[in-house]
Amino acid sequence: MLYQIYETQRSIMEPFADLAQAASKLYSNPLNPVAQSPFAQRVAAGYALIHRLGKDYVKPEFGIRTVRVNEVDVAIHERIEIDKPFC
């Protein structure tokens, strides 16, 4: 149940994260006259934060090929036990 709620929330936030990224770039663009206002940098940082909170991150590759056990290198074979949309 929590997985579905998380995925629903992430799907709903995705367009807002994209909009926040565009607004952040707009407020930090030096060619934009609004970007010269005193609070433009803070507004751009707020939108950048919203974008980073709402965007989807890809799982990184761990890159662990061997592990030393009792002074012997043991090969690691990564496999997926359970494939779920979260964790």
PDB file of N, CA and C in Angstrom:
ATOM      1  N   MET A   1       0.820  -1.201   0.000  1.00  0.00           N
ATOM      2  CA  MET A   1       0.000   0.000   0.000  1.00  0.00           C
ATOM      3  C   MET A   1       0.861   1.261   0.000  1.00  0.00           C
ATOM      4  N   LEU A   2       1.926   1.278   0.795  1.00  0.00           N
ATOM      5  CA  LEU A   2       2.789   2.456   0.843  1.00  0.00           C
ATOM      6  C   LEU A   2       3.503   2.683  -0.484  1.00  0.00           C
ATOM      7  N   TYR A   3       3.836   1.607  -1.194  1.00  0.00           N
ATOM      8  CA  TYR A   3       4.499   1.736  -2.485  1.00  0.00           C
ATOM      9  C   TYR A   3       3.597   2.467  -3.478  1.00  0.00           C
ATOM     10  N   GLN A   4       2.313   2.118  -3.498  1.00  0.00           N
ATOM     11  CA  GLN A   4       1.389   2.758  -4.413  1.00  0.00           C
ATOM     12  C   GLN A   4       1.209   4.236  -4.069  1.00  0.00           C
ATOM     13  N   ILE A   5       1.150   4.542  -2.785  1.00  0.00           N
ATOM     14  CA  ILE A   5       1.019   5.938  -2.358  1.00  0.00           C
ATOM     15  C   ILE A   5       2.258   6.725  -2.764  1.00  0.00           C
ATOM     16  N   TYR A   6       3.435   6.153  -2.560  1.00  0.00           N
ATOM     17  CA  TYR A   6       4.680   6.831  -2.938  1.00  0.00           C
ATOM     18  C   TYR A   6       4.723   7.072  -4.445  1.00  0.00           C
ATOM     19  N   GLU A   7       4.389   6.064  -5.237  1.00  0.00           N
ATOM     20  CA  GLU A   7       4.420   6.209  -6.690  1.00  0.00           C
ATOM     21  C   GLU A   7       3.384   7.230  -7.166  1.00  0.00           C
ATOM     22  N   THR A   8       2.206   7.245  -6.555  1.00  0.00           N
ATOM     23  CA  THR A   8       1.186   8.222  -6.911  1.00  0.00           C
ATOM     24  C   THR A   8       1.657   9.633  -6.603  1.00  0.00           C
ATOM     25  N   GLN A   9       2.252   9.815  -5.420  1.00  0.00           N
ATOM     26  CA  GLN A   9       2.763  11.130  -5.033  1.00  0.00           C
ATOM     27  C   GLN A   9       3.871  11.578  -5.970  1.00  0.00           C
ATOM     28  N   ARG A  10       4.774  10.668  -6.350  1.00  0.00           N
ATOM     29  CA  ARG A  10       5.866  11.004  -7.242  1.00  0.00           C
ATOM     30  C   ARG A  10       5.341  11.364  -8.630  1.00  0.00           C
ATOM     31  N   SER A  11       4.339  10.634  -9.098  1.00  0.00           N
ATOM     32  CA  SER A  11       3.751  10.915 -10.414  1.00  0.00           C
ATOM     33  C   SER A  11       3.039  12.261 -10.434  1.00  0.00           C
ATOM     34  N   ILE A  12       2.378  12.603  -9.329  1.00  0.00           N
ATOM     35  CA  ILE A  12       1.690  13.894  -9.243  1.00  0.00           C
ATOM     36  C   ILE A  12       2.697  15.037  -9.187  1.00  0.00           C
ATOM     37  N   MET A  13       3.813  14.836  -8.492  1.00  0.00           N
ATOM     38  CA  MET A  13       4.810  15.900  -8.319  1.00  0.00           C
ATOM     39  C   MET A  13       5.694  16.113  -9.548  1.00  0.00           C
ATOM     40  N   GLU A  14       5.752  15.147 -10.454  1.00  0.00           N
ATOM     41  CA  GLU A  14       6.670  15.245 -11.597  1.00  0.00           C
ATOM     42  C   GLU A  14       6.458  16.501 -12.450  1.00  0.00           C
ATOM     43  N   PRO A  15       5.229  16.856 -12.836  1.00  0.00           N
ATOM     44  CA  PRO A  15       5.068  18.092 -13.623  1.00  0.00           C
ATOM     45  C   PRO A  15       5.468  19.341 -12.846  1.00  0.00           C
ATOM     46  N   PHE A  16       5.211  19.350 -11.527  1.00  0.00           N
ATOM     47  CA  PHE A  16       5.589  20.502 -10.716  1.00  0.00           C
ATOM     48  C   PHE A  16       7.107  20.611 -10.591  1.00  0.00           C
ATOM     49  N   ALA A  17       7.784  19.478 -10.533  1.00  0.00           N
ATOM     50  CA  ALA A  17       9.252  19.493 -10.477  1.00  0.00           C
ATOM     51  C   ALA A  17       9.821  20.053 -11.779  1.00  0.00           C
ATOM     52  N   ASP A  18       9.243  19.676 -12.901  1.00  0.00           N
ATOM     53  CA  ASP A  18       9.700  20.212 -14.188  1.00  0.00           C
ATOM     54  C   ASP A  18       9.432  21.708 -14.286  1.00  0.00           C
ATOM     55  N   LEU A  19       8.283  22.140 -13.815  1.00  0.00           N
ATOM     56  CA  LEU A  19       7.951  23.559 -13.812  1.00  0.00           C
ATOM     57  C   LEU A  19       8.893  24.325 -12.888  1.00  0.00           C
ATOM     58  N   ALA A  20       9.215  23.748 -11.744  1.00  0.00           N
ATOM     59  CA  ALA A  20      10.132  24.397 -10.812  1.00  0.00           C
ATOM     60  C   ALA A  20      11.526  24.543 -11.419  1.00  0.00           C
ATOM     61  N   GLN A  21      11.961  23.547 -12.189  1.00  0.00           N
ATOM     62  CA  GLN A  21      13.263  23.642 -12.848  1.00  0.00           C
ATOM     63  C   GLN A  21      13.264  24.790 -13.859  1.00  0.00           C
ATOM     64  N   ALA A  22      12.200  24.905 -14.628  1.00  0.00           N
ATOM     65  CA  ALA A  22      12.109  25.992 -15.607  1.00  0.00           C
ATOM     66  C   ALA A  22      12.079  27.354 -14.920  1.00  0.00           C
ATOM     67  N   ALA A  23      11.332  27.460 -13.825  1.00  0.00           N
ATOM     68  CA  ALA A  23      11.258  28.725 -13.097  1.00  0.00           C
ATOM     69  C   ALA A  23      12.605  29.074 -12.471  1.00  0.00           C
ATOM     70  N   SER A  24      13.321  28.080 -11.983  1.00  0.00           N
ATOM     71  CA  SER A  24      14.648  28.324 -11.410  1.00  0.00           C
ATOM     72  C   SER A  24      15.601  28.870 -12.462  1.00  0.00           C
ATOM     73  N   LYS A  25      15.566  28.277 -13.645  1.00  0.00           N
ATOM     74  CA  LYS A  25      16.424  28.765 -14.728  1.00  0.00           C
ATOM     75  C   LYS A  25      16.017  30.170 -15.159  1.00  0.00           C
ATOM     76  N   LEU A  26      14.717  30.456 -15.148  1.00  0.00           N
ATOM     77  CA  LEU A  26      14.227  31.778 -15.520  1.00  0.00           C
ATOM     78  C   LEU A  26      14.728  32.846 -14.548  1.00  0.00           C
ATOM     79  N   TYR A  27      14.634  32.556 -13.250  1.00  0.00           N
ATOM     80  CA  TYR A  27      15.046  33.533 -12.250  1.00  0.00           C
ATOM     81  C   TYR A  27      16.564  33.659 -12.113  1.00  0.00           C
ATOM     82  N   SER A  28      17.322  32.695 -12.620  1.00  0.00           N
ATOM     83  CA  SER A  28      18.779  32.787 -12.516  1.00  0.00           C
ATOM     84  C   SER A  28      19.431  33.194 -13.840  1.00  0.00           C
ATOM     85  N   ASN A  29      18.648  33.398 -14.894  1.00  0.00           N
ATOM     86  CA  ASN A  29      19.183  33.802 -16.187  1.00  0.00           C
ATOM     87  C   ASN A  29      19.622  35.266 -16.124  1.00  0.00           C
ATOM     88  N   PRO A  30      20.890  35.561 -16.402  1.00  0.00           N
ATOM     89  CA  PRO A  30      21.358  36.948 -16.308  1.00  0.00           C
ATOM     90  C   PRO A  30      20.754  37.874 -17.362  1.00  0.00           C
ATOM     91  N   LEU A  31      20.192  37.332 -18.431  1.00  0.00           N
ATOM     92  CA  LEU A  31      19.566  38.169 -19.456  1.00  0.00           C
ATOM     93  C   LEU A  31      18.149  38.588 -19.091  1.00  0.00           C
ATOM     94  N   ASN A  32      17.579  37.982 -18.083  1.00  0.00           N
ATOM     95  CA  ASN A  32      16.228  38.315 -17.633  1.00  0.00           C
ATOM     96  C   ASN A  32      16.303  39.514 -16.684  1.00  0.00           C
ATOM     97  N   PRO A  33      15.561  40.581 -16.951  1.00  0.00           N
ATOM     98  CA  PRO A  33      15.605  41.742 -16.052  1.00  0.00           C
ATOM     99  C   PRO A  33      15.102  41.436 -14.637  1.00  0.00           C
ATOM    100  N   VAL A  34      14.184  40.487 -14.510  1.00  0.00           N
ATOM    101  CA  VAL A  34      13.671  40.115 -13.185  1.00  0.00           C
ATOM    102  C   VAL A  34      14.781  39.472 -12.349  1.00  0.00           C
ATOM    103  N   ALA A  35      15.724  38.813 -13.002  1.00  0.00           N
ATOM    104  CA  ALA A  35      16.822  38.149 -12.292  1.00  0.00           C
ATOM    105  C   ALA A  35      17.737  39.148 -11.597  1.00  0.00           C
ATOM    106  N   GLN A  36      17.639  40.415 -11.966  1.00  0.00           N
ATOM    107  CA  GLN A  36      18.479  41.444 -11.336  1.00  0.00           C
ATOM    108  C   GLN A  36      17.877  41.968 -10.037  1.00  0.00           C
ATOM    109  N   SER A  37      16.674  41.547  -9.697  1.00  0.00           N
ATOM    110  CA  SER A  37      16.040  42.014  -8.460  1.00  0.00           C
ATOM    111  C   SER A  37      16.726  41.381  -7.250  1.00  0.00           C
ATOM    112  N   PRO A  38      16.600  42.003  -6.073  1.00  0.00           N
ATOM    113  CA  PRO A  38      17.322  41.513  -4.889  1.00  0.00           C
ATOM    114  C   PRO A  38      16.929  40.103  -4.442  1.00  0.00           C
ATOM    115  N   PHE A  39      15.707  39.692  -4.660  1.00  0.00           N
ATOM    116  CA  PHE A  39      15.251  38.393  -4.168  1.00  0.00           C
ATOM    117  C   PHE A  39      15.254  37.303  -5.230  1.00  0.00           C
ATOM    118  N   ALA A  40      15.702  37.610  -6.437  1.00  0.00           N
ATOM    119  CA  ALA A  40      15.660  36.634  -7.527  1.00  0.00           C
ATOM    120  C   ALA A  40      16.525  35.414  -7.227  1.00  0.00           C
ATOM    121  N   GLN A  41      17.668  35.629  -6.598  1.00  0.00           N
ATOM    122  CA  GLN A  41      18.549  34.503  -6.281  1.00  0.00           C
ATOM    123  C   GLN A  41      17.887  33.557  -5.276  1.00  0.00           C
ATOM    124  N   ARG A  42      17.198  34.109  -4.301  1.00  0.00           N
ATOM    125  CA  ARG A  42      16.508  33.279  -3.306  1.00  0.00           C
ATOM    126  C   ARG A  42      15.327  32.524  -3.932  1.00  0.00           C
ATOM    127  N   VAL A  43      14.612  33.188  -4.811  1.00  0.00           N
ATOM    128  CA  VAL A  43      13.487  32.541  -5.491  1.00  0.00           C
ATOM    129  C   VAL A  43      14.004  31.403  -6.376  1.00  0.00           C
ATOM    130  N   ALA A  44      15.099  31.655  -7.107  1.00  0.00           N
ATOM    131  CA  ALA A  44      15.685  30.617  -7.965  1.00  0.00           C
ATOM    132  C   ALA A  44      16.152  29.436  -7.129  1.00  0.00           C
ATOM    133  N   ALA A  45      16.745  29.693  -5.970  1.00  0.00           N
ATOM    134  CA  ALA A  45      17.200  28.609  -5.092  1.00  0.00           C
ATOM    135  C   ALA A  45      16.013  27.814  -4.545  1.00  0.00           C
ATOM    136  N   GLY A  46      14.921  28.484  -4.223  1.00  0.00           N
ATOM    137  CA  GLY A  46      13.725  27.786  -3.744  1.00  0.00           C
ATOM    138  C   GLY A  46      13.138  26.881  -4.807  1.00  0.00           C
ATOM    139  N   TYR A  47      13.070  27.379  -6.028  1.00  0.00           N
ATOM    140  CA  TYR A  47      12.568  26.544  -7.125  1.00  0.00           C
ATOM    141  C   TYR A  47      13.516  25.378  -7.409  1.00  0.00           C
ATOM    142  N   ALA A  48      14.824  25.613  -7.321  1.00  0.00           N
ATOM    143  CA  ALA A  48      15.786  24.526  -7.535  1.00  0.00           C
ATOM    144  C   ALA A  48      15.609  23.438  -6.474  1.00  0.00           C
ATOM    145  N   LEU A  49      15.336  23.837  -5.239  1.00  0.00           N
ATOM    146  CA  LEU A  49      15.102  22.873  -4.169  1.00  0.00           C
ATOM    147  C   LEU A  49      13.842  22.050  -4.439  1.00  0.00           C
ATOM    148  N   ILE A  50      12.784  22.699  -4.871  1.00  0.00           N
ATOM    149  CA  ILE A  50      11.547  21.988  -5.191  1.00  0.00           C
ATOM    150  C   ILE A  50      11.796  20.994  -6.328  1.00  0.00           C
ATOM    151  N   HIS A  51      12.579  21.410  -7.313  1.00  0.00           N
ATOM    152  CA  HIS A  51      12.904  20.499  -8.421  1.00  0.00           C
ATOM    153  C   HIS A  51      13.667  19.281  -7.925  1.00  0.00           C
ATOM    154  N   ARG A  52      14.678  19.485  -7.069  1.00  0.00           N
ATOM    155  CA  ARG A  52      15.468  18.357  -6.577  1.00  0.00           C
ATOM    156  C   ARG A  52      14.649  17.432  -5.689  1.00  0.00           C
ATOM    157  N   LEU A  53      13.687  17.969  -4.962  1.00  0.00           N
ATOM    158  CA  LEU A  53      12.845  17.125  -4.109  1.00  0.00           C
ATOM    159  C   LEU A  53      11.841  16.313  -4.925  1.00  0.00           C
ATOM    160  N   GLY A  54      11.414  16.843  -6.064  1.00  0.00           N
ATOM    161  CA  GLY A  54      10.369  16.185  -6.825  1.00  0.00           C
ATOM    162  C   GLY A  54      10.836  15.314  -7.968  1.00  0.00           C
ATOM    163  N   LYS A  55      12.108  15.430  -8.357  1.00  0.00           N
ATOM    164  CA  LYS A  55      12.545  14.650  -9.520  1.00  0.00           C
ATOM    165  C   LYS A  55      12.839  13.209  -9.135  1.00  0.00           C
ATOM    166  N   ASP A  56      12.859  12.345 -10.142  1.00  0.00           N
ATOM    167  CA  ASP A  56      13.088  10.921  -9.939  1.00  0.00           C
ATOM    168  C   ASP A  56      14.584  10.638 -10.076  1.00  0.00           C
ATOM    169  N   TYR A  57      15.142   9.907  -9.135  1.00  0.00           N
ATOM    170  CA  TYR A  57      16.556   9.558  -9.157  1.00  0.00           C
ATOM    171  C   TYR A  57      16.721   8.100  -9.553  1.00  0.00           C
ATOM    172  N   VAL A  58      17.760   7.825 -10.330  1.00  0.00           N
ATOM    173  CA  VAL A  58      18.050   6.472 -10.799  1.00  0.00           C
ATOM    174  C   VAL A  58      18.990   5.799  -9.804  1.00  0.00           C
ATOM    175  N   LYS A  59      18.760   4.513  -9.563  1.00  0.00           N
ATOM    176  CA  LYS A  59      19.609   3.752  -8.652  1.00  0.00           C
ATOM    177  C   LYS A  59      21.015   3.638  -9.237  1.00  0.00           C
ATOM    178  N   PRO A  60      22.044   4.006  -8.470  1.00  0.00           N
ATOM    179  CA  PRO A  60      23.402   3.934  -9.005  1.00  0.00           C
ATOM    180  C   PRO A  60      23.930   2.496  -9.028  1.00  0.00           C
ATOM    181  N   GLU A  61      24.885   2.260  -9.890  1.00  0.00           N
ATOM    182  CA  GLU A  61      25.566   0.970  -9.949  1.00  0.00           C
ATOM    183  C   GLU A  61      26.531   0.899  -8.772  1.00  0.00           C
ATOM    184  N   PHE A  62      26.495  -0.194  -8.005  1.00  0.00           N
ATOM    185  CA  PHE A  62      27.357  -0.321  -6.831  1.00  0.00           C
ATOM    186  C   PHE A  62      28.800  -0.624  -7.217  1.00  0.00           C
ATOM    187  N   GLY A  63      29.019  -1.426  -8.231  1.00  0.00           N
ATOM    188  CA  GLY A  63      30.367  -1.702  -8.706  1.00  0.00           C
ATOM    189  C   GLY A  63      31.189  -2.601  -7.794  1.00  0.00           C
ATOM    190  N   ILE A  64      30.553  -3.383  -6.930  1.00  0.00           N
ATOM    191  CA  ILE A  64      31.273  -4.302  -6.045  1.00  0.00           C
ATOM    192  C   ILE A  64      31.383  -5.638  -6.780  1.00  0.00           C
ATOM    193  N   ARG A  65      32.583  -6.015  -7.142  1.00  0.00           N
ATOM    194  CA  ARG A  65      32.795  -7.250  -7.893  1.00  0.00           C
ATOM    195  C   ARG A  65      33.324  -8.381  -7.009  1.00  0.00           C
ATOM    196  N   THR A  66      34.154  -8.061  -6.017  1.00  0.00           N
ATOM    197  CA  THR A  66      34.695  -9.076  -5.105  1.00  0.00           C
ATOM    198  C   THR A  66      34.689  -8.534  -3.683  1.00  0.00           C
ATOM    199  N   VAL A  67      34.667  -9.460  -2.729  1.00  0.00           N
ATOM    200  CA  VAL A  67      34.739  -9.128  -1.311  1.00  0.00           C
ATOM    201  C   VAL A  67      35.765 -10.063  -0.687  1.00  0.00           C
ATOM    202  N   ARG A  68      36.599  -9.519   0.192  1.00  0.00           N
ATOM    203  CA  ARG A  68      37.619 -10.329   0.845  1.00  0.00           C
ATOM    204  C   ARG A  68      37.035 -10.973   2.100  1.00  0.00           C
ATOM    205  N   VAL A  69      37.046 -12.312   2.137  1.00  0.00           N
ATOM    206  CA  VAL A  69      36.559 -13.098   3.266  1.00  0.00           C
ATOM    207  C   VAL A  69      37.680 -14.032   3.694  1.00  0.00           C
ATOM    208  N   ASN A  70      38.136 -13.879   4.940  1.00  0.00           N
ATOM    209  CA  ASN A  70      39.239 -14.702   5.462  1.00  0.00           C
ATOM    210  C   ASN A  70      40.438 -14.707   4.512  1.00  0.00           C
ATOM    211  N   GLU A  71      40.795 -13.519   4.060  1.00  0.00           N
ATOM    212  CA  GLU A  71      41.950 -13.303   3.174  1.00  0.00           C
ATOM    213  C   GLU A  71      41.823 -14.003   1.824  1.00  0.00           C
ATOM    214  N   VAL A  72      40.600 -14.279   1.396  1.00  0.00           N
ATOM    215  CA  VAL A  72      40.339 -14.867   0.085  1.00  0.00           C
ATOM    216  C   VAL A  72      39.327 -13.970  -0.618  1.00  0.00           C
ATOM    217  N   ASP A  73      39.590 -13.625  -1.880  1.00  0.00           N
ATOM    218  CA  ASP A  73      38.632 -12.830  -2.652  1.00  0.00           C
ATOM    219  C   ASP A  73      37.497 -13.714  -3.141  1.00  0.00           C
ATOM    220  N   VAL A  74      36.264 -13.300  -2.813  1.00  0.00           N
ATOM    221  CA  VAL A  74      35.061 -14.037  -3.203  1.00  0.00           C
ATOM    222  C   VAL A  74      34.312 -13.180  -4.222  1.00  0.00           C
ATOM    223  N   ALA A  75      33.947 -13.772  -5.357  1.00  0.00           N
ATOM    224  CA  ALA A  75      33.223 -13.054  -6.406  1.00  0.00           C
ATOM    225  C   ALA A  75      31.789 -12.758  -5.976  1.00  0.00           C
ATOM    226  N   ILE A  76      31.314 -11.601  -6.358  1.00  0.00           N
ATOM    227  CA  ILE A  76      29.946 -11.180  -6.053  1.00  0.00           C
ATOM    228  C   ILE A  76      29.128 -11.250  -7.339  1.00  0.00           C
ATOM    229  N   HIS A  77      27.987 -11.913  -7.272  1.00  0.00           N
ATOM    230  CA  HIS A  77      27.064 -11.988  -8.402  1.00  0.00           C
ATOM    231  C   HIS A  77      25.762 -11.335  -7.949  1.00  0.00           C
ATOM    232  N   GLU A  78      25.523 -10.132  -8.449  1.00  0.00           N
ATOM    233  CA  GLU A  78      24.330  -9.387  -8.057  1.00  0.00           C
ATOM    234  C   GLU A  78      23.121  -9.939  -8.796  1.00  0.00           C
ATOM    235  N   ARG A  79      22.026 -10.144  -8.048  1.00  0.00           N
ATOM    236  CA  ARG A  79      20.775 -10.587  -8.659  1.00  0.00           C
ATOM    237  C   ARG A  79      19.614  -9.921  -7.936  1.00  0.00           C
ATOM    238  N   ILE A  80      18.537  -9.768  -8.634  1.00  0.00           N
ATOM    239  CA  ILE A  80      17.347  -9.127  -8.077  1.00  0.00           C
ATOM    240  C   ILE A  80      16.472 -10.213  -7.476  1.00  0.00           C
ATOM    241  N   GLU A  81      16.230 -10.118  -6.173  1.00  0.00           N
ATOM    242  CA  GLU A  81      15.379 -11.094  -5.480  1.00  0.00           C
ATOM    243  C   GLU A  81      13.907 -10.764  -5.686  1.00  0.00           C
ATOM    244  N   ILE A  82      13.548  -9.494  -5.446  1.00  0.00           N
ATOM    245  CA  ILE A  82      12.165  -9.050  -5.608  1.00  0.00           C
ATOM    246  C   ILE A  82      12.208  -7.728  -6.354  1.00  0.00           C
ATOM    247  N   ASP A  83      11.479  -7.600  -7.444  1.00  0.00           N
ATOM    248  CA  ASP A  83      11.450  -6.387  -8.247  1.00  0.00           C
ATOM    249  C   ASP A  83      10.171  -5.618  -7.925  1.00  0.00           C
ATOM    250  N   LYS A  84      10.322  -4.497  -7.200  1.00  0.00           N
ATOM    251  CA  LYS A  84       9.187  -3.655  -6.822  1.00  0.00           C
ATOM    252  C   LYS A  84       9.478  -2.225  -7.248  1.00  0.00           C
ATOM    253  N   PRO A  85       8.475  -1.377  -7.385  1.00  0.00           N
ATOM    254  CA  PRO A  85       8.722  -0.008  -7.845  1.00  0.00           C
ATOM    255  C   PRO A  85       9.372   0.897  -6.805  1.00  0.00           C
ATOM    256  N   PHE A  86       9.519   0.465  -5.577  1.00  0.00           N
ATOM    257  CA  PHE A  86      10.100   1.301  -4.519  1.00  0.00           C
ATOM    258  C   PHE A  86      11.042   0.445  -3.693  1.00  0.00           C
ATOM    259  N   CYS A  87      12.201   0.978  -3.397  1.00  0.00           N
ATOM    260  CA  CYS A  87      13.243   0.265  -2.625  1.00  0.00           C
ATOM    261  C   CYS A  87      13.584  -1.007  -3.298  1.00  0.00           C
TER     262      CYS A  87
END
